[in-house]
PDB file of N, CA and C in Angstrom:
ATOM      1  N   MET A   1      -0.706 -32.627  71.816  1.00  0.00           N
ATOM      2  CA  MET A   1      -1.606 -33.722  71.528  1.00  0.00           C
ATOM      3  C   MET A   1      -2.342 -34.093  72.821  1.00  0.00           C
ATOM      4  N   THR A   2      -3.631 -34.223  72.738  1.00  0.00           N
ATOM      5  CA  THR A   2      -4.437 -34.544  73.915  1.00  0.00           C
ATOM      6  C   THR A   2      -4.598 -36.061  74.053  1.00  0.00           C
ATOM      7  N   GLU A   3      -5.116 -36.470  75.203  1.00  0.00           N
ATOM      8  CA  GLU A   3      -5.394 -37.894  75.419  1.00  0.00           C
ATOM      9  C   GLU A   3      -6.379 -38.416  74.379  1.00  0.00           C
ATOM     10  N   ASP A   4      -7.386 -37.617  74.051  1.00  0.00           N
ATOM     11  CA  ASP A   4      -8.353 -38.026  73.025  1.00  0.00           C
ATOM     12  C   ASP A   4      -7.688 -38.188  71.663  1.00  0.00           C
ATOM     13  N   ASP A   5      -6.747 -37.290  71.326  1.00  0.00           N
ATOM     14  CA  ASP A   5      -6.014 -37.397  70.065  1.00  0.00           C
ATOM     15  C   ASP A   5      -5.197 -38.687  70.013  1.00  0.00           C
ATOM     16  N   ILE A   6      -4.532 -39.000  71.103  1.00  0.00           N
ATOM     17  CA  ILE A   6      -3.714 -40.218  71.169  1.00  0.00           C
ATOM     18  C   ILE A   6      -4.598 -41.450  71.041  1.00  0.00           C
ATOM     19  N   THR A   7      -5.714 -41.458  71.765  1.00  0.00           N
ATOM     20  CA  THR A   7      -6.653 -42.578  71.698  1.00  0.00           C
ATOM     21  C   THR A   7      -7.142 -42.783  70.274  1.00  0.00           C
ATOM     22  N   GLN A   8      -7.544 -41.705  69.614  1.00  0.00           N
ATOM     23  CA  GLN A   8      -8.052 -41.810  68.243  1.00  0.00           C
ATOM     24  C   GLN A   8      -6.963 -42.296  67.285  1.00  0.00           C
ATOM     25  N   HIS A   9      -5.752 -41.818  67.461  1.00  0.00           N
ATOM     26  CA  HIS A   9      -4.648 -42.245  66.606  1.00  0.00           C
ATOM     27  C   HIS A   9      -4.380 -43.747  66.749  1.00  0.00           C
ATOM     28  N   ILE A  10      -4.378 -44.239  67.977  1.00  0.00           N
ATOM     29  CA  ILE A  10      -4.139 -45.673  68.195  1.00  0.00           C
ATOM     30  C   ILE A  10      -5.253 -46.497  67.570  1.00  0.00           C
ATOM     31  N   ILE A  11      -6.496 -46.119  67.783  1.00  0.00           N
ATOM     32  CA  ILE A  11      -7.638 -46.854  67.226  1.00  0.00           C
ATOM     33  C   ILE A  11      -7.601 -46.823  65.700  1.00  0.00           C
ATOM     34  N   ASP A  12      -7.307 -45.662  65.108  1.00  0.00           N
ATOM     35  CA  ASP A  12      -7.222 -45.555  63.648  1.00  0.00           C
ATOM     36  C   ASP A  12      -6.101 -46.423  63.091  1.00  0.00           C
ATOM     37  N   SER A  13      -4.997 -46.491  63.796  1.00  0.00           N
ATOM     38  CA  SER A  13      -3.843 -47.270  63.341  1.00  0.00           C
ATOM     39  C   SER A  13      -4.092 -48.773  63.411  1.00  0.00           C
ATOM     40  N   LEU A  14      -4.933 -49.200  64.345  1.00  0.00           N
ATOM     41  CA  LEU A  14      -5.179 -50.633  64.520  1.00  0.00           C
ATOM     42  C   LEU A  14      -6.072 -51.225  63.443  1.00  0.00           C
ATOM     43  N   GLY A  15      -6.990 -50.440  62.941  1.00  0.00           N
ATOM     44  CA  GLY A  15      -7.944 -50.985  61.984  1.00  0.00           C
ATOM     45  C   GLY A  15      -8.778 -52.103  62.587  1.00  0.00           C
ATOM     46  N   GLY A  16      -9.487 -51.817  63.640  1.00  0.00           N
ATOM     47  CA  GLY A  16     -10.336 -52.818  64.274  1.00  0.00           C
ATOM     48  C   GLY A  16     -10.103 -52.969  65.756  1.00  0.00           C
ATOM     49  N   GLY A  17      -9.162 -52.259  66.297  1.00  0.00           N
ATOM     50  CA  GLY A  17      -8.932 -52.329  67.732  1.00  0.00           C
ATOM     51  C   GLY A  17      -9.996 -51.562  68.499  1.00  0.00           C
ATOM     52  N   HIS A  18      -9.960 -51.691  69.796  1.00  0.00           N
ATOM     53  CA  HIS A  18     -10.903 -50.961  70.635  1.00  0.00           C
ATOM     54  C   HIS A  18     -10.245 -50.669  71.972  1.00  0.00           C
ATOM     55  N   PHE A  19     -10.929 -49.875  72.795  1.00  0.00           N
ATOM     56  CA  PHE A  19     -10.379 -49.511  74.089  1.00  0.00           C
ATOM     57  C   PHE A  19     -11.460 -49.548  75.153  1.00  0.00           C
ATOM     58  N   GLU A  20     -11.015 -49.660  76.386  1.00  0.00           N
ATOM     59  CA  GLU A  20     -11.897 -49.627  77.558  1.00  0.00           C
ATOM     60  C   GLU A  20     -11.302 -48.636  78.547  1.00  0.00           C
ATOM     61  N   VAL A  21     -12.162 -47.879  79.218  1.00  0.00           N
ATOM     62  CA  VAL A  21     -11.713 -46.953  80.250  1.00  0.00           C
ATOM     63  C   VAL A  21     -12.118 -47.523  81.604  1.00  0.00           C
ATOM     64  N   ALA A  22     -11.130 -47.602  82.504  1.00  0.00           N
ATOM     65  CA  ALA A  22     -11.381 -48.100  83.862  1.00  0.00           C
ATOM     66  C   ALA A  22     -10.542 -47.277  84.828  1.00  0.00           C
ATOM     67  N   ASP A  23     -11.171 -46.731  85.840  1.00  0.00           N
ATOM     68  CA  ASP A  23     -10.482 -45.934  86.853  1.00  0.00           C
ATOM     69  C   ASP A  23      -9.682 -44.799  86.217  1.00  0.00           C
ATOM     70  N   ASP A  24     -10.272 -44.153  85.212  1.00  0.00           N
ATOM     71  CA  ASP A  24      -9.670 -43.032  84.474  1.00  0.00           C
ATOM     72  C   ASP A  24      -8.444 -43.411  83.659  1.00  0.00           C
ATOM     73  N   ASN A  25      -8.141 -44.687  83.492  1.00  0.00           N
ATOM     74  CA  ASN A  25      -7.056 -45.152  82.644  1.00  0.00           C
ATOM     75  C   ASN A  25      -7.662 -45.787  81.399  1.00  0.00           C
ATOM     76  N   THR A  26      -6.960 -45.667  80.269  1.00  0.00           N
ATOM     77  CA  THR A  26      -7.465 -46.192  79.008  1.00  0.00           C
ATOM     78  C   THR A  26      -6.625 -47.397  78.590  1.00  0.00           C
ATOM     79  N   PHE A  27      -7.281 -48.532  78.342  1.00  0.00           N
ATOM     80  CA  PHE A  27      -6.622 -49.779  77.972  1.00  0.00           C
ATOM     81  C   PHE A  27      -6.990 -50.113  76.526  1.00  0.00           C
ATOM     82  N   PHE A  28      -5.973 -50.401  75.708  1.00  0.00           N
ATOM     83  CA  PHE A  28      -6.171 -50.670  74.282  1.00  0.00           C
ATOM     84  C   PHE A  28      -6.003 -52.154  73.998  1.00  0.00           C
ATOM     85  N   PHE A  29      -6.945 -52.694  73.220  1.00  0.00           N
ATOM     86  CA  PHE A  29      -6.961 -54.114  72.879  1.00  0.00           C
ATOM     87  C   PHE A  29      -7.038 -54.277  71.371  1.00  0.00           C
ATOM     88  N   HIS A  30      -6.469 -55.382  70.891  1.00  0.00           N
ATOM     89  CA  HIS A  30      -6.625 -55.762  69.490  1.00  0.00           C
ATOM     90  C   HIS A  30      -7.208 -57.164  69.502  1.00  0.00           C
ATOM     91  N   GLY A  31      -8.359 -57.320  68.935  1.00  0.00           N
ATOM     92  CA  GLY A  31      -9.081 -58.588  69.009  1.00  0.00           C
ATOM     93  C   GLY A  31     -10.197 -58.474  70.030  1.00  0.00           C
ATOM     94  N   ALA A  32     -10.972 -59.543  70.148  1.00  0.00           N
ATOM     95  CA  ALA A  32     -12.178 -59.490  70.974  1.00  0.00           C
ATOM     96  C   ALA A  32     -12.012 -60.090  72.363  1.00  0.00           C
ATOM     97  N   ASP A  33     -10.848 -60.664  72.692  1.00  0.00           N
ATOM     98  CA  ASP A  33     -10.737 -61.388  73.956  1.00  0.00           C
ATOM     99  C   ASP A  33     -10.633 -60.484  75.189  1.00  0.00           C
ATOM    100  N   ASN A  34     -10.125 -59.249  75.048  1.00  0.00           N
ATOM    101  CA  ASN A  34      -9.991 -58.292  76.163  1.00  0.00           C
ATOM    102  C   ASN A  34      -9.201 -58.857  77.337  1.00  0.00           C
ATOM    103  N   GLN A  35      -8.280 -59.782  77.084  1.00  0.00           N
ATOM    104  CA  GLN A  35      -7.523 -60.360  78.189  1.00  0.00           C
ATOM    105  C   GLN A  35      -6.310 -59.533  78.571  1.00  0.00           C
ATOM    106  N   PHE A  36      -5.521 -59.111  77.584  1.00  0.00           N
ATOM    107  CA  PHE A  36      -4.298 -58.368  77.878  1.00  0.00           C
ATOM    108  C   PHE A  36      -4.214 -57.136  76.988  1.00  0.00           C
ATOM    109  N   PRO A  37      -4.237 -55.954  77.575  1.00  0.00           N
ATOM    110  CA  PRO A  37      -4.084 -54.763  76.747  1.00  0.00           C
ATOM    111  C   PRO A  37      -2.648 -54.655  76.235  1.00  0.00           C
ATOM    112  N   PHE A  38      -2.473 -54.144  75.015  1.00  0.00           N
ATOM    113  CA  PHE A  38      -1.125 -53.971  74.487  1.00  0.00           C
ATOM    114  C   PHE A  38      -0.590 -52.582  74.773  1.00  0.00           C
ATOM    115  N   ALA A  39      -1.471 -51.667  75.170  1.00  0.00           N
ATOM    116  CA  ALA A  39      -1.050 -50.308  75.532  1.00  0.00           C
ATOM    117  C   ALA A  39      -2.025 -49.755  76.554  1.00  0.00           C
ATOM    118  N   THR A  40      -1.524 -48.859  77.392  1.00  0.00           N
ATOM    119  CA  THR A  40      -2.349 -48.239  78.423  1.00  0.00           C
ATOM    120  C   THR A  40      -1.953 -46.779  78.571  1.00  0.00           C
ATOM    121  N   ILE A  41      -2.938 -45.901  78.673  1.00  0.00           N
ATOM    122  CA  ILE A  41      -2.692 -44.508  79.030  1.00  0.00           C
ATOM    123  C   ILE A  41      -3.097 -44.353  80.489  1.00  0.00           C
ATOM    124  N   VAL A  42      -2.126 -44.050  81.337  1.00  0.00           N
ATOM    125  CA  VAL A  42      -2.363 -43.863  82.768  1.00  0.00           C
ATOM    126  C   VAL A  42      -2.342 -42.363  83.037  1.00  0.00           C
ATOM    127  N   THR A  43      -3.378 -41.872  83.711  1.00  0.00           N
ATOM    128  CA  THR A  43      -3.525 -40.425  83.887  1.00  0.00           C
ATOM    129  C   THR A  43      -3.340 -39.936  85.315  1.00  0.00           C
ATOM    130  N   LYS A  44      -3.073 -40.847  86.243  1.00  0.00           N
ATOM    131  CA  LYS A  44      -2.887 -40.419  87.631  1.00  0.00           C
ATOM    132  C   LYS A  44      -2.008 -41.423  88.361  1.00  0.00           C
ATOM    133  N   ASP A  45      -1.406 -40.997  89.442  1.00  0.00           N
ATOM    134  CA  ASP A  45      -0.599 -41.866  90.276  1.00  0.00           C
ATOM    135  C   ASP A  45      -1.502 -42.806  91.075  1.00  0.00           C
ATOM    136  N   ASN A  46      -0.912 -43.921  91.512  1.00  0.00           N
ATOM    137  CA  ASN A  46      -1.641 -44.825  92.403  1.00  0.00           C
ATOM    138  C   ASN A  46      -0.745 -45.146  93.601  1.00  0.00           C
ATOM    139  N   GLU A  47      -1.176 -46.062  94.448  1.00  0.00           N
ATOM    140  CA  GLU A  47      -0.448 -46.350  95.691  1.00  0.00           C
ATOM    141  C   GLU A  47       0.929 -46.963  95.437  1.00  0.00           C
ATOM    142  N   PHE A  48       1.208 -47.445  94.248  1.00  0.00           N
ATOM    143  CA  PHE A  48       2.500 -48.051  93.931  1.00  0.00           C
ATOM    144  C   PHE A  48       3.510 -47.040  93.405  1.00  0.00           C
ATOM    145  N   ASP A  49       3.116 -45.781  93.221  1.00  0.00           N
ATOM    146  CA  ASP A  49       3.991 -44.768  92.639  1.00  0.00           C
ATOM    147  C   ASP A  49       4.781 -43.970  93.674  1.00  0.00           C
ATOM    148  N   GLY A  50       4.544 -44.184  94.938  1.00  0.00           N
ATOM    149  CA  GLY A  50       5.261 -43.451  95.985  1.00  0.00           C
ATOM    150  C   GLY A  50       6.573 -44.105  96.361  1.00  0.00           C
ATOM    151  N   GLU A  51       7.306 -43.466  97.208  1.00  0.00           N
ATOM    152  CA  GLU A  51       8.564 -44.022  97.711  1.00  0.00           C
ATOM    153  C   GLU A  51       8.263 -45.082  98.768  1.00  0.00           C
ATOM    154  N   PRO A  52       9.119 -46.093  98.885  1.00  0.00           N
ATOM    155  CA  PRO A  52       8.866 -47.169  99.868  1.00  0.00           C
ATOM    156  C   PRO A  52       8.951 -46.703 101.293  1.00  0.00           C
TER     157      PRO A  52
END
């Protein structure tokens, strides 16, 4: 299953949800407020993923 397949499945399951892509990560929202995503697809490491 590809990232696009997962994205489409989540959107189809929500019946009205939407998503935003920022910094190559996909954030899923239900409703129009866009305040807190309920799911996120992260595709790369960031500075917090390394060892201390």
